[in-house]
């Protein structure tokens, strides 16, 4: 009959710190086995997952006599655990060339009876030249710790097929069409064997009820491309360029982002 293994907290063993090094160390006495793996397994089953609301970060055993061990359990935030997700972002924006002022933005004209270009920007006798502006782009990444067993051919294919696609449904608080998946990178942790995956995204807001010149009711999702076709017209005996039609192109395919394993 196998010996019964017992685990009991060692008296006067608790150590706790606060601040940037917040965490705890708790020691146990393990009796009834000469097998270090068995001692570790029994220690894991006996100790709580958290201590003072801080997650368990590691455990170890040290044999001090025949079938007697000291087990040490640490609690803290210093290590990364499987299924942990970290989040980073910046709102630096991006640049885009525009040829048109979009309502409700205003245009002020000065001079002797300046012609009305209906919001067209930087117009000469032959074309609408436009300008480069900063547009809202929200860049963010999510880093996820996963078991190496998850990195199989099916998982790799799911990530590969979603690169350069936009979300086809609401995801992480963004509306469908607002988030562009820009790819992922990964590295394997030499100690734990887990794989650290970093996913990169960019978000641009959807817009509705856009008015350009005399054309209204325009709808544009975040990563669709809008451009304006102009025609020559006469205003106060001047030949000018005014918006004739507006085109909105879907330039990225859509996909189901839940396949990335980052939740909804």
Protein backbone atom coordinates (compact mmCIF):
# COMPACT_ATOMS: atom_id res chain seq x y z
CA UNK A 1 0.00 0.00 0.00
CA UNK A 2 1.39 3.38 -0.99
CA UNK A 3 2.26 5.80 1.80
CA UNK A 4 -0.23 8.61 2.39
CA UNK A 5 1.24 11.99 1.51
CA UNK A 6 0.30 14.87 3.80
CA UNK A 7 0.79 18.61 3.30
CA UNK A 8 0.53 21.15 6.11
CA UNK A 9 1.48 24.80 6.25
CA UNK A 10 4.73 25.37 8.13
CA UNK A 11 4.28 27.51 11.23
CA UNK A 12 5.68 31.05 11.02
CA UNK A 13 6.54 30.71 7.32
CA UNK A 14 4.48 33.44 5.68
CA UNK A 15 6.22 36.41 4.09
CA UNK A 16 4.28 39.22 2.41
CA UNK A 17 5.34 42.38 0.57
CA UNK A 18 3.37 45.33 -0.83
CA UNK A 19 4.05 48.08 -3.36
CA UNK A 20 5.82 47.32 -6.64
CA UNK A 21 6.98 43.95 -5.23
CA UNK A 22 3.53 42.92 -4.02
CA UNK A 23 3.41 39.21 -3.30
CA UNK A 24 3.71 36.46 -0.72
CA UNK A 25 5.74 33.35 0.09
CA UNK A 26 4.21 30.46 2.04
CA UNK A 27 6.01 27.27 3.13
CA UNK A 28 4.59 23.80 3.73
CA UNK A 29 5.77 20.54 5.28
CA UNK A 30 5.23 17.57 2.96
CA UNK A 31 5.52 14.05 4.39
CA UNK A 32 5.09 10.52 3.07
CA UNK A 33 7.09 10.36 -0.18
CA UNK A 34 10.65 10.27 -1.52
CA UNK A 35 9.47 11.35 -4.99
CA UNK A 36 10.01 15.04 -5.71
CA UNK A 37 7.39 15.09 -8.51
CA UNK A 38 4.80 13.53 -6.22
CA UNK A 39 5.70 16.10 -3.55
CA UNK A 40 5.23 18.94 -6.07
CA UNK A 41 1.87 17.58 -7.20
CA UNK A 42 0.57 17.26 -3.64
CA UNK A 43 1.83 20.77 -2.86
CA UNK A 44 -0.09 22.14 -5.86
CA UNK A 45 -3.30 20.45 -4.79
CA UNK A 46 -2.99 21.76 -1.22
CA UNK A 47 -2.04 25.41 -1.80
CA UNK A 48 -4.57 28.06 -2.93
CA UNK A 49 -4.48 29.61 -6.42
CA UNK A 50 -4.25 33.11 -4.94
CA UNK A 51 -2.99 34.67 -1.74
CA UNK A 52 -4.26 38.10 -0.72
CA UNK A 53 -5.80 38.25 -4.24
CA UNK A 54 -2.35 37.81 -5.87
CA UNK A 55 -1.99 34.83 -8.25
CA UNK A 56 0.34 31.90 -7.62
CA UNK A 57 3.55 32.36 -9.64
CA UNK A 58 5.68 29.34 -8.69
CA UNK A 59 6.38 26.42 -6.34
CA UNK A 60 9.36 24.30 -5.32
CA UNK A 61 10.26 21.48 -2.91
CA UNK A 62 13.43 20.71 -0.92
CA UNK A 63 13.99 17.37 0.81
CA UNK A 64 15.17 17.74 4.42
CA UNK A 65 14.81 14.13 5.67
CA UNK A 66 13.55 10.71 4.63
CA UNK A 67 10.13 11.30 3.06
CA UNK A 68 10.02 14.84 4.43
CA UNK A 69 10.11 17.99 2.28
CA UNK A 70 9.78 21.74 2.65
CA UNK A 71 7.52 23.09 -0.09
CA UNK A 72 7.66 26.78 -1.01
CA UNK A 73 4.85 28.52 -2.90
CA UNK A 74 5.29 32.05 -4.25
CA UNK A 75 2.56 34.51 -5.21
CA UNK A 76 3.27 37.52 -7.39
CA UNK A 77 3.02 39.22 -10.76
CA UNK A 78 6.61 38.82 -11.90
CA UNK A 79 6.06 35.89 -14.26
CA UNK A 80 3.73 35.32 -17.17
CA UNK A 81 1.22 32.52 -16.91
CA UNK A 82 -0.47 30.47 -19.62
CA UNK A 83 -3.54 32.29 -21.05
CA UNK A 84 -2.38 35.68 -19.70
CA UNK A 85 -3.12 38.55 -22.10
CA UNK A 86 -1.27 41.90 -22.11
CA UNK A 87 -2.48 45.00 -23.95
CA UNK A 88 -0.53 47.88 -25.50
CA UNK A 89 -1.76 50.78 -27.60
CA UNK A 90 -0.99 54.19 -29.07
CA UNK A 91 -3.15 56.83 -30.73
CA UNK A 92 -0.53 58.43 -32.95
CA UNK A 93 -2.88 58.40 -35.95
CA UNK A 94 -2.00 58.09 -39.61
CA UNK A 95 -1.85 60.31 -42.67
CA UNK A 96 -4.27 60.43 -45.58
CA UNK A 97 -4.56 62.60 -48.64
CA UNK A 98 -7.97 64.24 -48.96
CA UNK A 99 -9.39 66.34 -51.78
CA UNK A 100 -12.61 67.38 -50.10
CA UNK A 101 -13.85 69.11 -46.97
CA UNK A 102 -16.54 66.92 -45.45
CA UNK A 103 -19.57 68.50 -43.79
CA UNK A 104 -19.93 69.81 -41.07
CA UNK A 105 -16.38 71.18 -41.41
CA UNK A 106 -16.38 74.73 -42.75
CA UNK A 107 -14.71 76.57 -45.60
CA UNK A 108 -13.95 80.31 -45.47
CA UNK A 109 -13.20 82.17 -48.70
CA UNK A 110 -11.66 85.64 -49.05
CA UNK A 111 -11.13 87.91 -52.02
CA UNK A 112 -13.17 89.50 -54.79
CA UNK A 113 -16.11 87.14 -55.38
CA UNK A 114 -14.14 83.86 -54.92
CA UNK A 115 -15.77 80.88 -56.69
CA UNK A 116 -17.48 78.18 -54.62
CA UNK A 117 -15.65 74.85 -55.13
CA UNK A 118 -18.21 72.95 -53.02
CA UNK A 119 -15.55 71.92 -50.50
CA UNK A 120 -12.88 70.79 -52.99
CA UNK A 121 -9.38 71.52 -51.64
CA UNK A 122 -6.38 73.09 -53.38
CA UNK A 123 -8.01 73.48 -56.78
CA UNK A 124 -6.32 74.81 -59.92
CA UNK A 125 -7.60 75.16 -63.48
CA UNK A 126 -7.03 71.49 -64.27
CA UNK A 127 -7.42 69.38 -61.12
CA UNK A 128 -8.16 69.06 -57.42
CA UNK A 129 -4.80 68.56 -55.70
CA UNK A 130 -5.92 68.01 -52.08
CA UNK A 131 -3.71 67.91 -48.97
CA UNK A 132 -2.29 65.35 -46.53
CA UNK A 133 -3.91 65.35 -43.07
CA UNK A 134 -3.69 63.35 -39.83
CA UNK A 135 -6.58 60.92 -39.47
CA UNK A 136 -7.58 58.92 -36.38
CA UNK A 137 -5.90 55.51 -36.31
CA UNK A 138 -5.77 53.52 -33.07
CA UNK A 139 -2.81 51.12 -33.11
CA UNK A 140 -2.79 48.37 -30.50
CA UNK A 141 -1.36 44.95 -29.80
CA UNK A 142 -2.31 42.06 -27.55
CA UNK A 143 0.27 39.60 -26.22
CA UNK A 144 -1.01 36.18 -25.19
CA UNK A 145 0.73 33.31 -23.40
CA UNK A 146 -0.38 29.98 -24.87
CA UNK A 147 0.62 26.36 -24.48
CA UNK A 148 2.89 25.13 -27.26
CA UNK A 149 0.34 22.37 -27.90
CA UNK A 150 -2.01 25.00 -29.33
CA UNK A 151 0.43 25.98 -32.10
CA UNK A 152 -0.69 23.38 -34.62
CA UNK A 153 -1.29 23.62 -38.36
CA UNK A 154 -4.94 24.58 -37.91
CA UNK A 155 -4.08 27.44 -35.55
CA UNK A 156 -1.33 28.73 -37.85
CA UNK A 157 -3.70 28.62 -40.82
CA UNK A 158 -6.39 30.53 -38.91
CA UNK A 159 -3.97 33.35 -38.12
CA UNK A 160 -2.51 33.42 -41.63
CA UNK A 161 -5.91 33.66 -43.33
CA UNK A 162 -6.98 36.60 -41.10
CA UNK A 163 -3.95 38.81 -41.85
CA UNK A 164 -5.03 42.02 -43.66
CA UNK A 165 -8.70 41.39 -42.90
CA UNK A 166 -11.17 43.56 -40.98
CA UNK A 167 -13.58 42.35 -38.32
CA UNK A 168 -16.91 41.23 -39.77
CA UNK A 169 -18.74 41.70 -36.45
CA UNK A 170 -18.38 43.77 -33.26
CA UNK A 171 -15.13 42.83 -31.51
CA UNK A 172 -13.37 44.18 -28.40
CA UNK A 173 -15.69 47.17 -28.29
CA UNK A 174 -15.23 48.11 -31.96
CA UNK A 175 -17.97 47.98 -34.57
CA UNK A 176 -17.70 45.65 -37.53
CA UNK A 177 -15.35 47.02 -40.19
CA UNK A 178 -13.28 49.18 -37.81
CA UNK A 179 -10.36 46.85 -36.91
CA UNK A 180 -7.64 45.71 -39.31
CA UNK A 181 -5.54 42.66 -38.30
CA UNK A 182 -1.94 43.38 -39.27
CA UNK A 183 -0.39 40.04 -38.31
CA UNK A 184 1.16 38.18 -35.40
CA UNK A 185 4.60 37.14 -34.17
CA UNK A 186 5.61 34.54 -31.61
CA UNK A 187 8.47 33.19 -29.53
CA UNK A 188 8.82 30.13 -27.31
CA UNK A 189 9.76 30.53 -23.64
CA UNK A 190 12.79 28.38 -22.91
CA UNK A 191 11.79 27.70 -19.28
CA UNK A 192 8.04 27.11 -19.38
CA UNK A 193 7.72 25.96 -22.99
CA UNK A 194 4.80 28.36 -23.50
CA UNK A 195 4.61 30.44 -26.67
CA UNK A 196 4.24 34.22 -26.44
CA UNK A 197 2.09 35.51 -29.31
CA UNK A 198 1.80 39.20 -30.12
CA UNK A 199 -1.10 40.26 -32.35
CA UNK A 200 -1.02 43.69 -34.05
CA UNK A 201 -4.11 45.70 -34.99
CA UNK A 202 -5.14 49.14 -36.22
CA UNK A 203 -8.59 50.66 -35.78
CA UNK A 204 -10.27 53.41 -37.78
CA UNK A 205 -13.83 54.62 -37.06
CA UNK A 206 -16.83 53.96 -39.26
CA UNK A 207 -18.64 57.07 -40.54
CA UNK A 208 -22.22 57.59 -41.62
CA UNK A 209 -24.37 60.34 -43.13
CA UNK A 210 -21.37 61.98 -44.79
CA UNK A 211 -22.07 65.00 -47.00
CA UNK A 212 -19.67 65.97 -49.78
CA UNK A 213 -20.68 69.00 -51.80
CA UNK A 214 -24.31 68.42 -52.73
CA UNK A 215 -24.05 64.63 -52.25
CA UNK A 216 -25.37 63.36 -48.89
CA UNK A 217 -26.15 60.09 -47.11
CA UNK A 218 -22.71 58.58 -47.76
CA UNK A 219 -21.71 55.58 -45.59
CA UNK A 220 -18.08 54.54 -45.11
CA UNK A 221 -16.65 51.83 -42.87
CA UNK A 222 -13.33 52.45 -41.18
CA UNK A 223 -11.02 50.71 -43.66
CA UNK A 224 -12.99 51.35 -46.83
CA UNK A 225 -11.56 53.84 -49.32
CA UNK A 226 -13.53 56.93 -50.35
CA UNK A 227 -12.74 59.10 -53.34
CA UNK A 228 -14.50 61.87 -55.21
CA UNK A 229 -15.03 62.32 -58.95
CA UNK A 230 -15.08 65.97 -59.99
CA UNK A 231 -16.55 67.74 -62.97
CA UNK A 232 -15.99 71.17 -64.40
CA UNK A 233 -18.72 73.69 -63.80
CA UNK A 234 -19.21 77.42 -64.10
CA UNK A 235 -19.51 79.65 -61.07
CA UNK A 236 -19.70 83.40 -61.55
CA UNK A 237 -18.30 82.96 -65.07
CA UNK A 238 -15.33 80.95 -63.67
CA UNK A 239 -14.64 77.37 -64.74
CA UNK A 240 -14.34 75.35 -61.49
CA UNK A 241 -14.05 71.73 -60.24
CA UNK A 242 -17.02 70.51 -58.16
CA UNK A 243 -17.92 67.05 -56.77
CA UNK A 244 -19.95 65.00 -59.26
CA UNK A 245 -19.98 61.55 -57.61
CA UNK A 246 -18.51 59.71 -54.62
CA UNK A 247 -17.18 56.15 -54.59
CA UNK A 248 -16.61 53.96 -51.52
CA UNK A 249 -14.49 50.87 -52.14
CA UNK A 250 -14.10 47.80 -49.94
CA UNK A 251 -10.35 47.19 -50.19
CA UNK A 252 -9.93 44.65 -47.36
CA UNK A 253 -11.81 41.37 -46.99
CA UNK A 254 -13.55 40.67 -43.68
CA UNK A 255 -13.07 37.78 -41.26
CA UNK A 256 -14.11 36.34 -37.91
CA UNK A 257 -11.66 37.61 -35.29
CA UNK A 258 -12.80 35.22 -32.57
CA UNK A 259 -10.64 32.61 -34.36
CA UNK A 260 -7.59 34.46 -32.99
CA UNK A 261 -8.35 33.20 -29.48
CA UNK A 262 -8.56 36.67 -27.91
CA UNK A 263 -12.24 36.52 -27.04
CA UNK A 264 -15.04 38.75 -28.25
